C-alpha atoms as a PDB file:
ATOM      1  CA  MET A   1    -164.981  30.516  47.434  1.00  0.00           C
ATOM      2  CA  GLU A   2    -166.891  30.780  44.155  1.00  0.00           C
ATOM      3  CA  HIS A   3    -170.522  29.800  43.923  1.00  0.00           C
ATOM      4  CA  ILE A   4    -170.954  26.584  41.977  1.00  0.00           C
ATOM      5  CA  LYS A   5    -173.223  28.218  39.377  1.00  0.00           C
ATOM      6  CA  ASP A   6    -170.425  30.670  38.543  1.00  0.00           C
ATOM      7  CA  ILE A   7    -167.848  27.915  38.207  1.00  0.00           C
ATOM      8  CA  PHE A   8    -169.943  25.809  35.852  1.00  0.00           C
ATOM      9  CA  ALA A   9    -171.218  28.785  33.878  1.00  0.00           C
ATOM     10  CA  ASN A  10    -167.631  29.402  32.781  1.00  0.00           C
ATOM     11  CA  LEU A  11    -166.676  25.769  32.239  1.00  0.00           C
ATOM     12  CA  THR A  12    -166.223  24.773  28.612  1.00  0.00           C
ATOM     13  CA  PHE A  13    -166.355  21.176  27.526  1.00  0.00           C
ATOM     14  CA  ASN A  14    -164.237  19.852  24.677  1.00  0.00           C
ATOM     15  CA  SER A  15    -165.849  17.143  22.612  1.00  0.00           C
ATOM     16  CA  PRO A  16    -163.807  13.940  22.842  1.00  0.00           C
ATOM     17  CA  SER A  17    -165.231  12.648  19.570  1.00  0.00           C
ATOM     18  CA  ASN A  18    -162.789  14.601  17.399  1.00  0.00           C
ATOM     19  CA  GLY A  19    -159.139  13.753  17.838  1.00  0.00           C
ATOM     20  CA  THR A  20    -158.724  13.084  21.541  1.00  0.00           C
ATOM     21  CA  LEU A  21    -157.661   9.516  20.925  1.00  0.00           C
ATOM     22  CA  HIS A  22    -154.142   9.091  19.639  1.00  0.00           C
ATOM     23  CA  PRO A  23    -154.328   8.607  15.848  1.00  0.00           C
ATOM     24  CA  THR A  24    -152.761   5.140  16.151  1.00  0.00           C
ATOM     25  CA  VAL A  25    -155.469   4.072  18.603  1.00  0.00           C
ATOM     26  CA  GLN A  26    -158.241   5.643  16.507  1.00  0.00           C
ATOM     27  CA  ASN A  27    -156.882   3.933  13.393  1.00  0.00           C
ATOM     28  CA  ALA A  28    -156.740   0.536  15.135  1.00  0.00           C
ATOM     29  CA  ILE A  29    -160.347   0.925  16.267  1.00  0.00           C
ATOM     30  CA  THR A  30    -161.480   1.939  12.789  1.00  0.00           C
ATOM     31  CA  GLN A  31    -159.644  -0.926  11.097  1.00  0.00           C
ATOM     32  CA  SER A  32    -160.950  -3.516  13.564  1.00  0.00           C
ATOM     33  CA  LYS A  33    -164.523  -3.270  12.220  1.00  0.00           C
ATOM     34  CA  ILE A  34    -165.715  -3.800  15.816  1.00  0.00           C
ATOM     35  CA  PRO A  35    -168.317  -1.207  16.845  1.00  0.00           C
ATOM     36  CA  VAL A  36    -167.107   0.930  19.742  1.00  0.00           C
ATOM     37  CA  ASN A  37    -168.966   3.528  21.793  1.00  0.00           C
ATOM     38  CA  THR A  38    -166.752   6.276  23.174  1.00  0.00           C
ATOM     39  CA  LEU A  39    -167.561   7.679  26.603  1.00  0.00           C
ATOM     40  CA  GLY A  40    -165.337  10.725  26.867  1.00  0.00           C
ATOM     41  CA  TYR A  41    -166.216  12.153  30.273  1.00  0.00           C
ATOM     42  CA  SER A  42    -166.262  10.901  33.819  1.00  0.00           C
ATOM     43  CA  VAL A  43    -167.301  11.965  37.278  1.00  0.00           C
ATOM     44  CA  VAL A  44    -165.601  10.717  40.431  1.00  0.00           C
ATOM     45  CA  PHE A  45    -167.248  10.974  43.844  1.00  0.00           C
ATOM     46  CA  HIS A  46    -164.985  10.816  46.917  1.00  0.00           C
ATOM     47  CA  VAL A  47    -166.914   9.040  49.672  1.00  0.00           C
ATOM     48  CA  PRO A  48    -165.563   8.306  53.178  1.00  0.00           C
ATOM     49  CA  ALA A  49    -165.080   4.523  53.339  1.00  0.00           C
ATOM     50  CA  GLY A  50    -166.729   4.310  56.760  1.00  0.00           C
ATOM     51  CA  LYS A  51    -169.888   5.898  55.365  1.00  0.00           C
ATOM     52  CA  PHE A  52    -169.987   4.056  52.048  1.00  0.00           C
ATOM     53  CA  SER A  53    -172.867   1.751  53.001  1.00  0.00           C
ATOM     54  CA  ASP A  54    -174.943   4.776  54.091  1.00  0.00           C
ATOM     55  CA  ALA A  55    -174.000   6.554  50.867  1.00  0.00           C
ATOM     56  CA  LYS A  56    -174.980   3.693  48.539  1.00  0.00           C
ATOM     57  CA  PRO A  57    -178.635   4.732  48.054  1.00  0.00           C
ATOM     58  CA  HIS A  58    -177.426   8.215  47.124  1.00  0.00           C
ATOM     59  CA  ILE A  59    -174.728   6.805  44.856  1.00  0.00           C
ATOM     60  CA  HIS A  60    -177.236   4.630  43.021  1.00  0.00           C
ATOM     61  CA  GLN A  61    -179.363   7.734  42.350  1.00  0.00           C
ATOM     62  CA  LEU A  62    -176.304   9.742  41.330  1.00  0.00           C
ATOM     63  CA  ILE A  63    -174.985   7.233  38.812  1.00  0.00           C
ATOM     64  CA  GLU A  64    -178.297   5.980  37.410  1.00  0.00           C
ATOM     65  CA  PRO A  65    -178.242   8.429  34.452  1.00  0.00           C
ATOM     66  CA  PHE A  66    -174.656   7.379  33.683  1.00  0.00           C
ATOM     67  CA  GLY A  67    -175.449   3.663  33.562  1.00  0.00           C
ATOM     68  CA  GLY A  68    -172.961   2.281  36.066  1.00  0.00           C
ATOM     69  CA  PHE A  69    -169.910   2.872  38.208  1.00  0.00           C
ATOM     70  CA  ASN A  70    -166.639   1.446  39.431  1.00  0.00           C
ATOM     71  CA  ALA A  71    -165.576   1.846  43.044  1.00  0.00           C
ATOM     72  CA  SER A  72    -162.084   1.558  44.460  1.00  0.00           C
ATOM     73  CA  LEU A  73    -160.545   2.057  47.875  1.00  0.00           C
ATOM     74  CA  SER A  74    -158.079   4.916  48.166  1.00  0.00           C
ATOM     75  CA  ASP A  75    -156.042   6.648  50.851  1.00  0.00           C
ATOM     76  CA  GLY A  76    -157.424  10.114  51.507  1.00  0.00           C
ATOM     77  CA  ASN A  77    -156.177  12.949  53.676  1.00  0.00           C
ATOM     78  CA  TRP A  78    -157.713  16.263  54.564  1.00  0.00           C
ATOM     79  CA  PHE A  79    -156.270  19.188  56.448  1.00  0.00           C
ATOM     80  CA  ASP A  80    -157.951  20.142  59.729  1.00  0.00           C
ATOM     81  CA  HIS A  81    -157.394  23.898  60.029  1.00  0.00           C
ATOM     82  CA  ARG A  82    -158.738  24.018  63.588  1.00  0.00           C
ATOM     83  CA  ASN A  83    -156.128  21.573  64.870  1.00  0.00           C
ATOM     84  CA  ASN A  84    -153.482  22.377  62.238  1.00  0.00           C
ATOM     85  CA  CYS A  85    -152.924  18.756  61.241  1.00  0.00           C
ATOM     86  CA  TRP A  86    -153.516  16.259  58.451  1.00  0.00           C
ATOM     87  CA  CYS A  87    -156.245  13.653  59.005  1.00  0.00           C
ATOM     88  CA  PRO A  88    -155.874  10.376  57.112  1.00  0.00           C
ATOM     89  CA  GLU A  89    -159.167   8.912  55.982  1.00  0.00           C
ATOM     90  CA  PRO A  90    -159.752   5.932  53.709  1.00  0.00           C
ATOM     91  CA  ILE A  91    -162.125   6.858  50.909  1.00  0.00           C
ATOM     92  CA  ILE A  92    -164.004   5.078  48.169  1.00  0.00           C
ATOM     93  CA  LEU A  93    -163.644   6.598  44.706  1.00  0.00           C
ATOM     94  CA  VAL A  94    -166.863   6.063  42.751  1.00  0.00           C
ATOM     95  CA  LYS A  95    -166.318   6.677  39.033  1.00  0.00           C
ATOM     96  CA  SER A  96    -168.853   6.825  36.207  1.00  0.00           C
ATOM     97  CA  TYR A  97    -168.274   7.452  32.515  1.00  0.00           C
ATOM     98  CA  MET A  98    -170.659   9.186  30.128  1.00  0.00           C
ATOM     99  CA  THR A  99    -170.987  11.152  26.912  1.00  0.00           C
ATOM    100  CA  LEU A 100    -170.932  14.947  26.871  1.00  0.00           C
ATOM    101  CA  ASP A 101    -174.681  15.066  26.188  1.00  0.00           C
ATOM    102  CA  VAL A 102    -175.479  12.905  29.202  1.00  0.00           C
ATOM    103  CA  LEU A 103    -173.145  14.903  31.455  1.00  0.00           C
ATOM    104  CA  GLN A 104    -174.665  18.218  30.405  1.00  0.00           C
ATOM    105  CA  GLN A 105    -178.207  16.897  30.741  1.00  0.00           C
ATOM    106  CA  HIS A 106    -177.683  15.585  34.291  1.00  0.00           C
ATOM    107  CA  LEU A 107    -175.041  17.926  35.739  1.00  0.00           C
ATOM    108  CA  THR A 108    -177.417  20.147  37.714  1.00  0.00           C
ATOM    109  CA  ALA A 109    -179.192  17.164  39.286  1.00  0.00           C
ATOM    110  CA  THR A 110    -175.812  15.511  40.024  1.00  0.00           C
ATOM    111  CA  LEU A 111    -174.635  18.598  41.898  1.00  0.00           C
ATOM    112  CA  GLN A 112    -177.862  18.807  43.873  1.00  0.00           C
ATOM    113  CA  ARG A 113    -177.818  15.098  44.758  1.00  0.00           C
ATOM    114  CA  SER A 114    -174.137  15.319  45.756  1.00  0.00           C
ATOM    115  CA  TYR A 115    -174.999  18.159  48.128  1.00  0.00           C
ATOM    116  CA  LEU A 116    -177.858  16.151  49.650  1.00  0.00           C
ATOM    117  CA  MET A 117    -175.643  13.087  50.053  1.00  0.00           C
ATOM    118  CA  GLY A 118    -173.045  15.168  51.897  1.00  0.00           C
ATOM    119  CA  LYS A 119    -175.686  16.651  54.193  1.00  0.00           C
ATOM    120  CA  ASP A 120    -177.203  13.222  54.928  1.00  0.00           C
ATOM    121  CA  LEU A 121    -173.757  11.769  55.680  1.00  0.00           C
ATOM    122  CA  GLY A 122    -172.884  14.663  57.988  1.00  0.00           C
ATOM    123  CA  GLU A 123    -169.905  15.706  55.876  1.00  0.00           C
ATOM    124  CA  SER A 124    -168.668  19.296  55.745  1.00  0.00           C
ATOM    125  CA  ALA A 125    -167.957  18.860  52.007  1.00  0.00           C
ATOM    126  CA  ILE A 126    -168.302  16.322  49.214  1.00  0.00           C
ATOM    127  CA  ALA A 127    -165.608  16.051  46.548  1.00  0.00           C
ATOM    128  CA  LEU A 128    -166.754  15.541  42.971  1.00  0.00           C
ATOM    129  CA  GLU A 129    -164.325  15.464  40.068  1.00  0.00           C
ATOM    130  CA  ILE A 130    -165.493  16.115  36.520  1.00  0.00           C
ATOM    131  CA  ILE A 131    -162.884  14.835  34.113  1.00  0.00           C
ATOM    132  CA  THR A 132    -162.932  15.733  30.431  1.00  0.00           C
ATOM    133  CA  ASN A 133    -161.187  13.741  27.722  1.00  0.00           C
ATOM    134  CA  ASN A 134    -161.125  10.681  29.996  1.00  0.00           C
ATOM    135  CA  VAL A 135    -162.015   8.145  27.349  1.00  0.00           C
ATOM    136  CA  MET A 136    -163.555   4.762  28.056  1.00  0.00           C
ATOM    137  CA  LEU A 137    -164.343   2.499  25.130  1.00  0.00           C
ATOM    138  CA  MET A 138    -167.455   0.354  25.416  1.00  0.00           C
ATOM    139  CA  ILE A 139    -167.349  -2.623  23.080  1.00  0.00           C
ATOM    140  CA  PRO A 140    -170.825  -4.143  22.712  1.00  0.00           C
ATOM    141  CA  THR A 141    -170.750  -7.946  22.598  1.00  0.00           C
ATOM    142  CA  HIS A 142    -174.311  -8.618  21.510  1.00  0.00           C
END
């Protein structure tokens, strides 16, 4: 298993601001004259559903720099090597979107807080996805 600092030291981020949207979509946005903010990155925390209420204070700290989150119930499974079987476990996927600058600025703290949340919840691991080129458009209405 690689140390997390080695994984992220070699990770390169591609800026979503240049060409990641299909040209037809980009053209429609440009022609609409409606201002749009592009959030091109996301993080997804996988939290056991049965521990979600205990995780909420941690989640609020984790997503504060990103400005918000969406949560959805999902079917999870993990393999128990000791008993050689699959263990179904409902999970909550907590997803936040952000710009590259915000992700880079808060990545170290996000990793540390994720570790602490996992320890506090008594989990042997916490899953965190970092998704590049996962564009969300924010359309201000005021």
